[in-house]
Amino acid sequence: MVREKIDKEMRNGISDARRIMQEADKADCNEAETRRRVERIFETVMGYNAFEHLSRERAVRGAGETEHVDFAIQLEKGQDVPPAIMVELKRVSVDLAPKHLRQVSSYAINAGCEWIILTNGKEWRLYHVSFGQPPVTKMIHSWNLLTDDIPALAQRFDLISYKSVKKGALAELWRKTNVLHPNSLLQAMLSESSIAVLRRELRRKTGVLLSPEDVVSGVRRMLNESALAELENVRISLPEKKKKPGKKQDKPEPPCAQLNQEEAPTDEVAPQPNPS
């Protein structure tokens, strides 16, 4: 994979962020100290102003009592302005767990926020919330500040940087995520036109003529269990089989003769059902 060139400021910022979180991990810092270091990362690596863009202990009103998220990223001021990202922070020694995600997801849903960051300073996870019935929270990316390489970290932190979020990069990311969902990819791969291209290319390379059903069966064998489950929801469009040319038909019999004759079997081949 080709990496984009990383500027010196970003490289130095990530190196500094790694160092301060390694120190925090070694010292087993409490949550308050972890928060200070994470806020520094948001400033030095991602370009946020901690006083203007990081709303600490933002109140979230749900069905029950008012609760407070660790901090919310806001591009505009005002308690009534929906945050761009909800951030749930755990102390550096705490492993991120499903219960933490459930907690911050409820905050995001009540606040009408589509994006979530769950972090302990070392491990970072980015989630998207879809407001359906019921709402669905999906992990988009995860990365580890201490173990991942700097080019990979630069891409991830740039995605959630002040500059990128302000330009709408997260909305674009979600659109691409939907397009690249296994269901969408399978729909495209198993469309009639795509199957025709695959048949032509395979015949050109191997000299073997395959039917559309052969191609679908081959793709099915390639898929893992998760993708096979998605395939059950995909409508596969196969071309109807062409009728084979038959013998020259005899002259039609008079109507009375047809009525006295049992219905004869037909040589016409019915279109094959779509494979499930």
C-alpha atoms as a PDB file:
ATOM      1  CA  MET A   1       0.000   0.000   0.000  1.00  0.00           C
ATOM      2  CA  VAL A   2       1.399   3.401  -0.955  1.00  0.00           C
ATOM      3  CA  ARG A   3       1.736   5.774   1.984  1.00  0.00           C
ATOM      4  CA  GLU A   4       1.311   9.487   1.664  1.00  0.00           C
ATOM      5  CA  LYS A   5       4.255  11.576   2.769  1.00  0.00           C
ATOM      6  CA  ILE A   6       3.879  12.646   6.396  1.00  0.00           C
ATOM      7  CA  ASP A   7       4.908  16.167   7.294  1.00  0.00           C
ATOM      8  CA  LYS A   8       7.433  16.693  10.060  1.00  0.00           C
ATOM      9  CA  GLU A   9       4.928  18.319  12.411  1.00  0.00           C
ATOM     10  CA  MET A  10       2.540  15.339  12.242  1.00  0.00           C
ATOM     11  CA  ARG A  11       5.370  12.826  12.699  1.00  0.00           C
ATOM     12  CA  ASN A  12       6.726  14.709  15.709  1.00  0.00           C
ATOM     13  CA  GLY A  13       3.228  15.061  17.168  1.00  0.00           C
ATOM     14  CA  ILE A  14       2.553  11.326  16.932  1.00  0.00           C
ATOM     15  CA  SER A  15       5.981  10.484  18.383  1.00  0.00           C
ATOM     16  CA  ASP A  16       5.324  12.827  21.312  1.00  0.00           C
ATOM     17  CA  ALA A  17       1.826  11.369  21.818  1.00  0.00           C
ATOM     18  CA  ARG A  18       3.274   7.848  21.871  1.00  0.00           C
ATOM     19  CA  ARG A  19       5.882   8.846  24.424  1.00  0.00           C
ATOM     20  CA  ILE A  20       3.451  10.473  26.855  1.00  0.00           C
ATOM     21  CA  MET A  21       1.057   7.521  26.687  1.00  0.00           C
ATOM     22  CA  GLN A  22       3.894   5.040  27.206  1.00  0.00           C
ATOM     23  CA  GLU A  23       4.849   7.019  30.319  1.00  0.00           C
ATOM     24  CA  ALA A  24       1.215   7.066  31.470  1.00  0.00           C
ATOM     25  CA  ASP A  25       0.904   3.319  30.944  1.00  0.00           C
ATOM     26  CA  LYS A  26       4.094   2.643  32.893  1.00  0.00           C
ATOM     27  CA  ALA A  27       2.998   4.916  35.759  1.00  0.00           C
ATOM     28  CA  ASP A  28      -0.590   3.542  35.701  1.00  0.00           C
ATOM     29  CA  CYS A  29      -2.019   7.060  35.614  1.00  0.00           C
ATOM     30  CA  ASN A  30      -5.533   7.665  36.890  1.00  0.00           C
ATOM     31  CA  GLU A  31      -8.393   8.793  34.656  1.00  0.00           C
ATOM     32  CA  ALA A  32      -7.838  12.505  35.314  1.00  0.00           C
ATOM     33  CA  GLU A  33      -4.196  12.305  34.251  1.00  0.00           C
ATOM     34  CA  THR A  34      -5.109  10.125  31.260  1.00  0.00           C
ATOM     35  CA  ARG A  35      -7.628  12.798  30.242  1.00  0.00           C
ATOM     36  CA  ARG A  36      -4.986  15.559  30.342  1.00  0.00           C
ATOM     37  CA  ARG A  37      -2.711  13.557  28.089  1.00  0.00           C
ATOM     38  CA  VAL A  38      -5.488  12.654  25.648  1.00  0.00           C
ATOM     39  CA  GLU A  39      -6.538  16.313  25.445  1.00  0.00           C
ATOM     40  CA  ARG A  40      -2.941  17.161  24.570  1.00  0.00           C
ATOM     41  CA  ILE A  41      -3.106  14.622  21.731  1.00  0.00           C
ATOM     42  CA  PHE A  42      -6.269  16.267  20.423  1.00  0.00           C
ATOM     43  CA  GLU A  43      -4.439  19.600  20.406  1.00  0.00           C
ATOM     44  CA  THR A  44      -0.968  18.679  19.120  1.00  0.00           C
ATOM     45  CA  VAL A  45      -1.835  15.851  16.706  1.00  0.00           C
ATOM     46  CA  MET A  46      -5.368  16.719  15.582  1.00  0.00           C
ATOM     47  CA  GLY A  47      -5.352  20.506  15.750  1.00  0.00           C
ATOM     48  CA  TYR A  48      -8.231  21.123  18.168  1.00  0.00           C
ATOM     49  CA  ASN A  49      -8.342  24.017  20.607  1.00  0.00           C
ATOM     50  CA  ALA A  50      -9.037  22.356  23.961  1.00  0.00           C
ATOM     51  CA  PHE A  51     -10.889  25.397  25.308  1.00  0.00           C
ATOM     52  CA  GLU A  52     -13.030  26.041  22.230  1.00  0.00           C
ATOM     53  CA  HIS A  53     -13.665  22.584  20.762  1.00  0.00           C
ATOM     54  CA  LEU A  54     -13.552  20.128  23.679  1.00  0.00           C
ATOM     55  CA  SER A  55     -16.648  20.447  25.843  1.00  0.00           C
ATOM     56  CA  ARG A  56     -15.793  18.665  29.112  1.00  0.00           C
ATOM     57  CA  GLU A  57     -18.430  16.719  31.042  1.00  0.00           C
ATOM     58  CA  ARG A  58     -21.173  17.722  28.625  1.00  0.00           C
ATOM     59  CA  ALA A  59     -24.647  17.051  30.038  1.00  0.00           C
ATOM     60  CA  VAL A  60     -26.728  14.505  28.150  1.00  0.00           C
ATOM     61  CA  ARG A  61     -30.423  14.225  28.967  1.00  0.00           C
ATOM     62  CA  GLY A  62     -31.996  10.856  28.296  1.00  0.00           C
ATOM     63  CA  ALA A  63     -35.044   8.977  29.491  1.00  0.00           C
ATOM     64  CA  GLY A  64     -33.634   8.861  33.025  1.00  0.00           C
ATOM     65  CA  GLU A  65     -31.340  11.170  34.936  1.00  0.00           C
ATOM     66  CA  THR A  66     -29.012  13.637  33.266  1.00  0.00           C
ATOM     67  CA  GLU A  67     -25.602  12.074  32.615  1.00  0.00           C
ATOM     68  CA  HIS A  68     -22.283  13.495  31.472  1.00  0.00           C
ATOM     69  CA  VAL A  69     -20.042  12.335  28.646  1.00  0.00           C
ATOM     70  CA  ASP A  70     -16.288  12.740  29.253  1.00  0.00           C
ATOM     71  CA  PHE A  71     -16.064  15.337  26.540  1.00  0.00           C
ATOM     72  CA  ALA A  72     -17.682  16.224  23.262  1.00  0.00           C
ATOM     73  CA  ILE A  73     -16.026  17.695  20.195  1.00  0.00           C
ATOM     74  CA  GLN A  74     -17.923  20.780  19.072  1.00  0.00           C
ATOM     75  CA  LEU A  75     -17.109  22.852  16.025  1.00  0.00           C
ATOM     76  CA  GLU A  76     -19.652  25.485  17.055  1.00  0.00           C
ATOM     77  CA  LYS A  77     -20.357  26.882  20.502  1.00  0.00           C
ATOM     78  CA  GLY A  78     -23.629  26.344  22.328  1.00  0.00           C
ATOM     79  CA  GLN A  79     -25.161  23.683  24.544  1.00  0.00           C
ATOM     80  CA  ASP A  80     -27.959  23.161  22.019  1.00  0.00           C
ATOM     81  CA  VAL A  81     -25.556  22.521  19.115  1.00  0.00           C
ATOM     82  CA  PRO A  82     -25.210  18.753  18.478  1.00  0.00           C
ATOM     83  CA  PRO A  83     -21.599  17.659  19.027  1.00  0.00           C
ATOM     84  CA  ALA A  84     -19.591  16.435  16.050  1.00  0.00           C
ATOM     85  CA  ILE A  85     -18.091  13.544  18.047  1.00  0.00           C
ATOM     86  CA  MET A  86     -18.745  12.101  21.500  1.00  0.00           C
ATOM     87  CA  VAL A  87     -15.565  10.973  23.288  1.00  0.00           C
ATOM     88  CA  GLU A  88     -15.655   8.402  26.091  1.00  0.00           C
ATOM     89  CA  LEU A  89     -12.365   8.139  27.952  1.00  0.00           C
ATOM     90  CA  LYS A  90     -11.103   5.369  30.236  1.00  0.00           C
ATOM     91  CA  ARG A  91      -7.940   5.389  32.299  1.00  0.00           C
ATOM     92  CA  VAL A  92      -4.878   4.110  30.503  1.00  0.00           C
ATOM     93  CA  SER A  93      -4.810   0.753  32.325  1.00  0.00           C
ATOM     94  CA  VAL A  94      -8.459  -0.115  31.576  1.00  0.00           C
ATOM     95  CA  ASP A  95      -9.154  -2.370  28.595  1.00  0.00           C
ATOM     96  CA  LEU A  96     -11.960  -1.071  26.390  1.00  0.00           C
ATOM     97  CA  ALA A  97     -15.039  -3.262  26.723  1.00  0.00           C
ATOM     98  CA  PRO A  98     -18.548  -3.607  25.236  1.00  0.00           C
ATOM     99  CA  LYS A  99     -20.089  -2.027  28.345  1.00  0.00           C
ATOM    100  CA  HIS A 100     -18.093   1.161  27.653  1.00  0.00           C
ATOM    101  CA  LEU A 101     -19.429   1.257  24.104  1.00  0.00           C
ATOM    102  CA  ARG A 102     -23.006   0.762  25.302  1.00  0.00           C
ATOM    103  CA  GLN A 103     -22.519   3.639  27.715  1.00  0.00           C
ATOM    104  CA  VAL A 104     -21.227   6.151  25.191  1.00  0.00           C
ATOM    105  CA  SER A 105     -23.666   4.932  22.501  1.00  0.00           C
ATOM    106  CA  SER A 106     -26.581   5.849  24.754  1.00  0.00           C
ATOM    107  CA  TYR A 107     -25.047   9.309  25.241  1.00  0.00           C
ATOM    108  CA  ALA A 108     -24.620   9.776  21.486  1.00  0.00           C
ATOM    109  CA  ILE A 109     -28.156   8.614  20.677  1.00  0.00           C
ATOM    110  CA  ASN A 110     -29.684  10.945  23.267  1.00  0.00           C
ATOM    111  CA  ALA A 111     -27.598  13.860  21.972  1.00  0.00           C
ATOM    112  CA  GLY A 112     -28.254  13.129  18.286  1.00  0.00           C
ATOM    113  CA  CYS A 113     -24.537  12.588  17.574  1.00  0.00           C
ATOM    114  CA  GLU A 114     -23.508  10.217  14.759  1.00  0.00           C
ATOM    115  CA  TRP A 115     -19.855   9.707  15.719  1.00  0.00           C
ATOM    116  CA  ILE A 116     -18.147   8.193  18.767  1.00  0.00           C
ATOM    117  CA  ILE A 117     -14.535   7.846  19.870  1.00  0.00           C
ATOM    118  CA  LEU A 118     -13.807   5.340  22.633  1.00  0.00           C
ATOM    119  CA  THR A 119     -10.241   5.469  23.964  1.00  0.00           C
ATOM    120  CA  ASN A 120      -7.936   4.832  26.889  1.00  0.00           C
ATOM    121  CA  GLY A 121      -5.190   6.895  25.268  1.00  0.00           C
ATOM    122  CA  LYS A 122      -3.447   3.817  23.863  1.00  0.00           C
ATOM    123  CA  GLU A 123      -6.231   2.138  21.930  1.00  0.00           C
ATOM    124  CA  TRP A 124      -8.590   4.254  19.825  1.00  0.00           C
ATOM    125  CA  ARG A 125     -11.882   3.173  18.288  1.00  0.00           C
ATOM    126  CA  LEU A 126     -14.082   5.177  15.925  1.00  0.00           C
ATOM    127  CA  TYR A 127     -17.783   4.292  15.673  1.00  0.00           C
ATOM    128  CA  HIS A 128     -20.756   5.499  13.653  1.00  0.00           C
ATOM    129  CA  VAL A 129     -24.326   5.593  14.991  1.00  0.00           C
ATOM    130  CA  SER A 130     -27.196   5.035  12.545  1.00  0.00           C
ATOM    131  CA  PHE A 131     -30.493   6.378  13.873  1.00  0.00           C
ATOM    132  CA  GLY A 132     -32.828   3.608  12.783  1.00  0.00           C
ATOM    133  CA  GLN A 133     -35.311   1.505  14.737  1.00  0.00           C
ATOM    134  CA  PRO A 134     -33.372   0.406  16.696  1.00  0.00           C
ATOM    135  CA  PRO A 135     -30.246   2.581  16.372  1.00  0.00           C
ATOM    136  CA  VAL A 136     -27.132   0.691  15.273  1.00  0.00           C
ATOM    137  CA  THR A 137     -23.559   1.450  16.345  1.00  0.00           C
ATOM    138  CA  LYS A 138     -20.840   0.202  13.988  1.00  0.00           C
ATOM    139  CA  MET A 139     -17.057   0.298  14.445  1.00  0.00           C
ATOM    140  CA  ILE A 140     -15.391   1.958  11.454  1.00  0.00           C
ATOM    141  CA  HIS A 141     -11.701   2.005  12.460  1.00  0.00           C
ATOM    142  CA  SER A 142      -9.501   1.033  15.399  1.00  0.00           C
ATOM    143  CA  TRP A 143      -5.824   1.745  16.016  1.00  0.00           C
ATOM    144  CA  ASN A 144      -3.189   1.437  18.725  1.00  0.00           C
ATOM    145  CA  LEU A 145      -0.977   4.442  19.421  1.00  0.00           C
ATOM    146  CA  LEU A 146       1.783   2.335  20.972  1.00  0.00           C
ATOM    147  CA  THR A 147       2.098  -0.449  18.403  1.00  0.00           C
ATOM    148  CA  ASP A 148       0.852   0.753  14.982  1.00  0.00           C
ATOM    149  CA  ASP A 149       3.319   2.338  12.566  1.00  0.00           C
ATOM    150  CA  ILE A 150       3.415   6.104  12.262  1.00  0.00           C
ATOM    151  CA  PRO A 151       2.086   6.350   8.656  1.00  0.00           C
ATOM    152  CA  ALA A 152      -0.996   4.325   9.632  1.00  0.00           C
ATOM    153  CA  LEU A 153      -1.488   6.428  12.756  1.00  0.00           C
ATOM    154  CA  ALA A 154      -1.158   9.625  10.728  1.00  0.00           C
ATOM    155  CA  GLN A 155      -4.035   8.512   8.456  1.00  0.00           C
ATOM    156  CA  ARG A 156      -6.296   7.642  11.367  1.00  0.00           C
ATOM    157  CA  PHE A 157      -5.643  10.772  13.424  1.00  0.00           C
ATOM    158  CA  ASP A 158      -5.922  12.987  10.353  1.00  0.00           C
ATOM    159  CA  LEU A 159      -9.376  11.524   9.683  1.00  0.00           C
ATOM    160  CA  ILE A 160     -10.667  12.787  13.049  1.00  0.00           C
ATOM    161  CA  SER A 161      -8.627  16.000  13.056  1.00  0.00           C
ATOM    162  CA  TYR A 162     -10.263  19.404  13.380  1.00  0.00           C
ATOM    163  CA  LYS A 163      -9.481  20.243   9.757  1.00  0.00           C
ATOM    164  CA  SER A 164     -10.963  17.001   8.377  1.00  0.00           C
ATOM    165  CA  VAL A 165     -14.084  16.969  10.560  1.00  0.00           C
ATOM    166  CA  LYS A 166     -14.817  20.586   9.651  1.00  0.00           C
ATOM    167  CA  LYS A 167     -14.561  19.696   5.943  1.00  0.00           C
ATOM    168  CA  GLY A 168     -17.034  16.815   6.317  1.00  0.00           C
ATOM    169  CA  ALA A 169     -14.531  13.955   6.044  1.00  0.00           C
ATOM    170  CA  LEU A 170     -16.522  11.747   8.411  1.00  0.00           C
ATOM    171  CA  ALA A 171     -19.681  12.045   6.328  1.00  0.00           C
ATOM    172  CA  GLU A 172     -17.675  11.071   3.239  1.00  0.00           C
ATOM    173  CA  LEU A 173     -16.148   8.147   5.169  1.00  0.00           C
ATOM    174  CA  TRP A 174     -19.612   6.855   6.056  1.00  0.00           C
ATOM    175  CA  ARG A 175     -20.761   7.060   2.426  1.00  0.00           C
ATOM    176  CA  LYS A 176     -17.726   5.045   1.313  1.00  0.00           C
ATOM    177  CA  THR A 177     -18.257   2.535   4.130  1.00  0.00           C
ATOM    178  CA  ASN A 178     -21.800   1.904   2.884  1.00  0.00           C
ATOM    179  CA  VAL A 179     -20.662   1.524  -0.725  1.00  0.00           C
ATOM    180  CA  LEU A 180     -17.983  -0.972   0.342  1.00  0.00           C
ATOM    181  CA  HIS A 181     -20.359  -2.990   2.516  1.00  0.00           C
ATOM    182  CA  PRO A 182     -20.241  -6.699   1.534  1.00  0.00           C
ATOM    183  CA  ASN A 183     -23.865  -6.549   0.388  1.00  0.00           C
ATOM    184  CA  SER A 184     -23.154  -3.657  -2.004  1.00  0.00           C
ATOM    185  CA  LEU A 185     -19.994  -5.298  -3.335  1.00  0.00           C
ATOM    186  CA  LEU A 186     -21.739  -8.617  -3.908  1.00  0.00           C
ATOM    187  CA  GLN A 187     -24.603  -6.859  -5.685  1.00  0.00           C
ATOM    188  CA  ALA A 188     -22.096  -5.257  -8.049  1.00  0.00           C
ATOM    189  CA  MET A 189     -19.996  -8.410  -8.525  1.00  0.00           C
ATOM    190  CA  LEU A 190     -23.005 -10.604  -9.272  1.00  0.00           C
ATOM    191  CA  SER A 191     -24.879  -8.244 -11.558  1.00  0.00           C
ATOM    192  CA  GLU A 192     -25.600  -9.538 -15.046  1.00  0.00           C
ATOM    193  CA  SER A 193     -23.039  -7.221 -16.649  1.00  0.00           C
ATOM    194  CA  SER A 194     -20.275  -8.157 -14.166  1.00  0.00           C
ATOM    195  CA  ILE A 195     -20.886 -11.873 -14.649  1.00  0.00           C
ATOM    196  CA  ALA A 196     -20.666 -11.375 -18.420  1.00  0.00           C
ATOM    197  CA  VAL A 197     -17.286  -9.633 -18.021  1.00  0.00           C
ATOM    198  CA  LEU A 198     -15.996 -12.437 -15.779  1.00  0.00           C
ATOM    199  CA  ARG A 199     -17.096 -15.105 -18.272  1.00  0.00           C
ATOM    200  CA  ARG A 200     -15.357 -13.321 -21.158  1.00  0.00           C
ATOM    201  CA  GLU A 201     -12.142 -12.794 -19.189  1.00  0.00           C
ATOM    202  CA  LEU A 202     -12.026 -16.366 -17.893  1.00  0.00           C
ATOM    203  CA  ARG A 203     -12.646 -17.746 -21.381  1.00  0.00           C
ATOM    204  CA  ARG A 204      -9.925 -15.493 -22.824  1.00  0.00           C
ATOM    205  CA  LYS A 205      -7.393 -16.733 -20.284  1.00  0.00           C
ATOM    206  CA  THR A 206      -8.379 -20.402 -20.038  1.00  0.00           C
ATOM    207  CA  GLY A 207     -10.360 -21.208 -23.170  1.00  0.00           C
ATOM    208  CA  VAL A 208     -13.153 -22.622 -20.990  1.00  0.00           C
ATOM    209  CA  LEU A 209     -16.715 -21.431 -21.578  1.00  0.00           C
ATOM    210  CA  LEU A 210     -18.567 -21.073 -18.276  1.00  0.00           C
ATOM    211  CA  SER A 211     -22.264 -20.511 -17.703  1.00  0.00           C
ATOM    212  CA  PRO A 212     -23.476 -17.661 -15.471  1.00  0.00           C
ATOM    213  CA  GLU A 213     -24.430 -20.290 -12.874  1.00  0.00           C
ATOM    214  CA  ASP A 214     -20.855 -21.637 -12.946  1.00  0.00           C
ATOM    215  CA  VAL A 215     -19.498 -18.163 -12.160  1.00  0.00           C
ATOM    216  CA  VAL A 216     -21.952 -17.636  -9.281  1.00  0.00           C
ATOM    217  CA  SER A 217     -21.031 -21.037  -7.824  1.00  0.00           C
ATOM    218  CA  GLY A 218     -17.341 -20.162  -8.066  1.00  0.00           C
ATOM    219  CA  VAL A 219     -17.851 -16.860  -6.269  1.00  0.00           C
ATOM    220  CA  ARG A 220     -19.885 -18.626  -3.591  1.00  0.00           C
ATOM    221  CA  ARG A 221     -17.024 -21.056  -2.905  1.00  0.00           C
ATOM    222  CA  MET A 222     -14.667 -18.108  -2.404  1.00  0.00           C
ATOM    223  CA  LEU A 223     -16.763 -16.462   0.305  1.00  0.00           C
ATOM    224  CA  ASN A 224     -16.339 -16.857   4.032  1.00  0.00           C
ATOM    225  CA  GLU A 225     -19.213 -17.535   6.416  1.00  0.00           C
ATOM    226  CA  SER A 226     -19.988 -13.863   6.999  1.00  0.00           C
ATOM    227  CA  ALA A 227     -20.038 -13.020   3.299  1.00  0.00           C
ATOM    228  CA  LEU A 228     -22.185 -16.071   2.536  1.00  0.00           C
ATOM    229  CA  ALA A 229     -24.748 -14.783   5.010  1.00  0.00           C
ATOM    230  CA  GLU A 230     -24.765 -11.455   3.145  1.00  0.00           C
ATOM    231  CA  LEU A 231     -25.197 -13.295  -0.155  1.00  0.00           C
ATOM    232  CA  GLU A 232     -28.567 -14.578   1.026  1.00  0.00           C
ATOM    233  CA  ASN A 233     -29.825 -10.974   0.862  1.00  0.00           C
ATOM    234  CA  VAL A 234     -28.465 -10.314  -2.625  1.00  0.00           C
ATOM    235  CA  ARG A 235     -30.707 -10.512  -5.682  1.00  0.00           C
ATOM    236  CA  ILE A 236     -28.716 -12.176  -8.456  1.00  0.00           C
ATOM    237  CA  SER A 237     -29.833 -11.392 -12.008  1.00  0.00           C
ATOM    238  CA  LEU A 238     -28.954 -14.132 -14.479  1.00  0.00           C
ATOM    239  CA  PRO A 239     -29.843 -13.909 -18.160  1.00  0.00           C
ATOM    240  CA  GLU A 240     -32.640 -16.165 -19.325  1.00  0.00           C
ATOM    241  CA  LYS A 241     -31.463 -19.221 -21.203  1.00  0.00           C
ATOM    242  CA  LYS A 242     -31.986 -19.006 -24.929  1.00  0.00           C
ATOM    243  CA  LYS A 243     -34.277 -21.535 -26.586  1.00  0.00           C
ATOM    244  CA  LYS A 244     -32.480 -24.130 -28.627  1.00  0.00           C
ATOM    245  CA  PRO A 245     -33.538 -24.156 -32.295  1.00  0.00           C
ATOM    246  CA  GLY A 246     -35.915 -27.096 -32.815  1.00  0.00           C
ATOM    247  CA  LYS A 247     -37.128 -29.030 -35.809  1.00  0.00           C
ATOM    248  CA  LYS A 248     -39.397 -27.413 -38.357  1.00  0.00           C
ATOM    249  CA  GLN A 249     -42.899 -27.425 -36.931  1.00  0.00           C
ATOM    250  CA  ASP A 250     -45.598 -29.415 -38.726  1.00  0.00           C
ATOM    251  CA  LYS A 251     -48.627 -27.715 -40.160  1.00  0.00           C
ATOM    252  CA  PRO A 252     -51.053 -26.887 -37.321  1.00  0.00           C
ATOM    253  CA  GLU A 253     -53.897 -29.355 -36.946  1.00  0.00           C
ATOM    254  CA  PRO A 254     -57.492 -28.248 -37.109  1.00  0.00           C
ATOM    255  CA  PRO A 255     -58.936 -26.985 -33.838  1.00  0.00           C
ATOM    256  CA  CYS A 256     -61.150 -30.036 -33.438  1.00  0.00           C
ATOM    257  CA  ALA A 257     -58.144 -32.363 -33.623  1.00  0.00           C
ATOM    258  CA  GLN A 258     -56.334 -30.327 -30.985  1.00  0.00           C
ATOM    259  CA  LEU A 259     -59.276 -30.654 -28.622  1.00  0.00           C
ATOM    260  CA  ASN A 260     -59.275 -34.427 -28.930  1.00  0.00           C
ATOM    261  CA  GLN A 261     -55.557 -34.680 -28.270  1.00  0.00           C
ATOM    262  CA  GLU A 262     -53.895 -34.704 -24.821  1.00  0.00           C
ATOM    263  CA  GLU A 263     -51.556 -31.825 -24.118  1.00  0.00           C
ATOM    264  CA  ALA A 264     -48.150 -32.773 -25.467  1.00  0.00           C
ATOM    265  CA  PRO A 265     -44.947 -32.133 -23.493  1.00  0.00           C
ATOM    266  CA  THR A 266     -42.968 -29.106 -24.605  1.00  0.00           C
ATOM    267  CA  ASP A 267     -39.282 -28.925 -25.487  1.00  0.00           C
ATOM    268  CA  GLU A 268     -39.037 -25.342 -24.175  1.00  0.00           C
ATOM    269  CA  VAL A 269     -36.602 -24.956 -21.280  1.00  0.00           C
ATOM    270  CA  ALA A 270     -37.909 -22.738 -18.459  1.00  0.00           C
ATOM    271  CA  PRO A 271     -35.564 -20.110 -17.062  1.00  0.00           C
ATOM    272  CA  GLN A 272     -33.521 -21.521 -14.197  1.00  0.00           C
ATOM    273  CA  PRO A 273     -34.361 -20.125 -10.774  1.00  0.00           C
ATOM    274  CA  ASN A 274     -31.905 -17.726  -9.246  1.00  0.00           C
ATOM    275  CA  PRO A 275     -29.473 -19.546  -6.955  1.00  0.00           C
ATOM    276  CA  SER A 276     -30.052 -18.779  -3.318  1.00  0.00           C
END
